[in-house]
Amino acid sequence: MESVFQISNYTVACQVKFASYTLQGSALTWWNSHIRAVRQDVSYAMPWATLKRMIIDKYFPRGEIQKLESEY
């Protein structure tokens, strides 16, 4: 995603909005629930690093990452 931001010259203010438009399936459902709980303007104002961390925490639990790391 970071490379898309750089190539497209997305401003920091647009990064979360753009990234959220690429979500599909359960990730999109999760994001829509987040927007309803927090408000759209607040959600889009968060830094990309925060959204990235939220996605990693939700879809890539630390235990699973450690399991994969130990396998390889």
C-alpha atoms as a PDB file:
ATOM      1  CA  MET A   1       0.000   0.000   0.000  1.00  0.00           C
ATOM      2  CA  GLU A   2       2.841   2.369   0.818  1.00  0.00           C
ATOM      3  CA  SER A   3       4.200   2.057  -2.712  1.00  0.00           C
ATOM      4  CA  VAL A   4       0.782   3.003  -4.124  1.00  0.00           C
ATOM      5  CA  PHE A   5       0.753   6.072  -1.884  1.00  0.00           C
ATOM      6  CA  GLN A   6       4.196   7.109  -3.139  1.00  0.00           C
ATOM      7  CA  ILE A   7       3.550   6.453  -6.819  1.00  0.00           C
ATOM      8  CA  SER A   8       0.184   8.202  -6.739  1.00  0.00           C
ATOM      9  CA  ASN A   9       1.360  11.099  -4.555  1.00  0.00           C
ATOM     10  CA  TYR A  10      -1.488  10.554  -2.097  1.00  0.00           C
ATOM     11  CA  THR A  11      -1.417  13.034   0.739  1.00  0.00           C
ATOM     12  CA  VAL A  12      -1.353  11.715   4.281  1.00  0.00           C
ATOM     13  CA  ALA A  13      -4.922  12.953   4.684  1.00  0.00           C
ATOM     14  CA  CYS A  14      -6.121  10.722   1.809  1.00  0.00           C
ATOM     15  CA  GLN A  15      -4.264   7.524   2.652  1.00  0.00           C
ATOM     16  CA  VAL A  16      -6.819   5.932   5.000  1.00  0.00           C
ATOM     17  CA  LYS A  17      -9.704   6.860   2.740  1.00  0.00           C
ATOM     18  CA  PHE A  18      -7.985   5.295  -0.276  1.00  0.00           C
ATOM     19  CA  ALA A  19      -6.916   2.185   1.639  1.00  0.00           C
ATOM     20  CA  SER A  20     -10.402   1.664   3.040  1.00  0.00           C
ATOM     21  CA  TYR A  21     -11.866   1.738  -0.482  1.00  0.00           C
ATOM     22  CA  THR A  22      -9.711  -1.275  -1.361  1.00  0.00           C
ATOM     23  CA  LEU A  23     -11.126  -3.450   1.433  1.00  0.00           C
ATOM     24  CA  GLN A  24     -13.350  -6.375   0.495  1.00  0.00           C
ATOM     25  CA  GLY A  25     -15.371  -9.098   2.194  1.00  0.00           C
ATOM     26  CA  SER A  26     -15.017  -9.434   5.942  1.00  0.00           C
ATOM     27  CA  ALA A  27     -12.426  -6.646   6.041  1.00  0.00           C
ATOM     28  CA  LEU A  28     -14.940  -4.244   4.491  1.00  0.00           C
ATOM     29  CA  THR A  29     -17.621  -5.385   6.940  1.00  0.00           C
ATOM     30  CA  TRP A  30     -15.191  -4.829   9.816  1.00  0.00           C
ATOM     31  CA  TRP A  31     -14.297  -1.344   8.507  1.00  0.00           C
ATOM     32  CA  ASN A  32     -17.949  -0.355   8.094  1.00  0.00           C
ATOM     33  CA  SER A  33     -18.605  -1.433  11.697  1.00  0.00           C
ATOM     34  CA  HIS A  34     -15.645   0.659  12.812  1.00  0.00           C
ATOM     35  CA  ILE A  35     -16.981   3.704  10.962  1.00  0.00           C
ATOM     36  CA  ARG A  36     -20.403   3.297  12.580  1.00  0.00           C
ATOM     37  CA  ALA A  37     -18.827   3.013  16.032  1.00  0.00           C
ATOM     38  CA  VAL A  38     -16.317   5.853  15.722  1.00  0.00           C
ATOM     39  CA  ARG A  39     -17.774   8.119  12.990  1.00  0.00           C
ATOM     40  CA  GLN A  40     -16.576   8.438   9.445  1.00  0.00           C
ATOM     41  CA  ASP A  41     -14.701  11.725   9.851  1.00  0.00           C
ATOM     42  CA  VAL A  42     -12.738  10.390  12.825  1.00  0.00           C
ATOM     43  CA  SER A  43     -11.972   7.142  10.999  1.00  0.00           C
ATOM     44  CA  TYR A  44     -10.658   8.876   7.900  1.00  0.00           C
ATOM     45  CA  ALA A  45      -8.586  11.290  10.014  1.00  0.00           C
ATOM     46  CA  MET A  46      -6.508   8.519  11.594  1.00  0.00           C
ATOM     47  CA  PRO A  47      -2.987   7.994  10.267  1.00  0.00           C
ATOM     48  CA  TRP A  48      -2.369   5.151   7.821  1.00  0.00           C
ATOM     49  CA  ALA A  49      -0.007   3.541  10.361  1.00  0.00           C
ATOM     50  CA  THR A  50      -2.907   3.263  12.822  1.00  0.00           C
ATOM     51  CA  LEU A  51      -5.217   1.616  10.287  1.00  0.00           C
ATOM     52  CA  LYS A  52      -2.417  -0.699   9.199  1.00  0.00           C
ATOM     53  CA  ARG A  53      -1.843  -1.751  12.833  1.00  0.00           C
ATOM     54  CA  MET A  54      -5.599  -2.307  13.316  1.00  0.00           C
ATOM     55  CA  ILE A  55      -5.750  -4.544  10.236  1.00  0.00           C
ATOM     56  CA  ILE A  56      -2.692  -6.529  11.314  1.00  0.00           C
ATOM     57  CA  ASP A  57      -4.093  -6.981  14.833  1.00  0.00           C
ATOM     58  CA  LYS A  58      -7.476  -8.074  13.461  1.00  0.00           C
ATOM     59  CA  TYR A  59      -6.410 -10.369  10.633  1.00  0.00           C
ATOM     60  CA  PHE A  60      -2.884 -11.440  11.564  1.00  0.00           C
ATOM     61  CA  PRO A  61      -2.880 -12.303  15.274  1.00  0.00           C
ATOM     62  CA  ARG A  62       0.587 -12.349  16.834  1.00  0.00           C
ATOM     63  CA  GLY A  63       0.326 -16.054  17.660  1.00  0.00           C
ATOM     64  CA  GLU A  64      -0.292 -16.907  14.019  1.00  0.00           C
ATOM     65  CA  ILE A  65       2.612 -14.739  12.872  1.00  0.00           C
ATOM     66  CA  GLN A  66       4.936 -16.422  15.372  1.00  0.00           C
ATOM     67  CA  LYS A  67       3.724 -19.837  14.210  1.00  0.00           C
ATOM     68  CA  LEU A  68       4.506 -18.973  10.592  1.00  0.00           C
ATOM     69  CA  GLU A  69       7.885 -17.529  11.543  1.00  0.00           C
ATOM     70  CA  SER A  70       8.843 -20.705  13.392  1.00  0.00           C
ATOM     71  CA  GLU A  71       7.857 -22.856  10.398  1.00  0.00           C
ATOM     72  CA  TYR A  72      10.172 -20.952   8.071  1.00  0.00           C
END
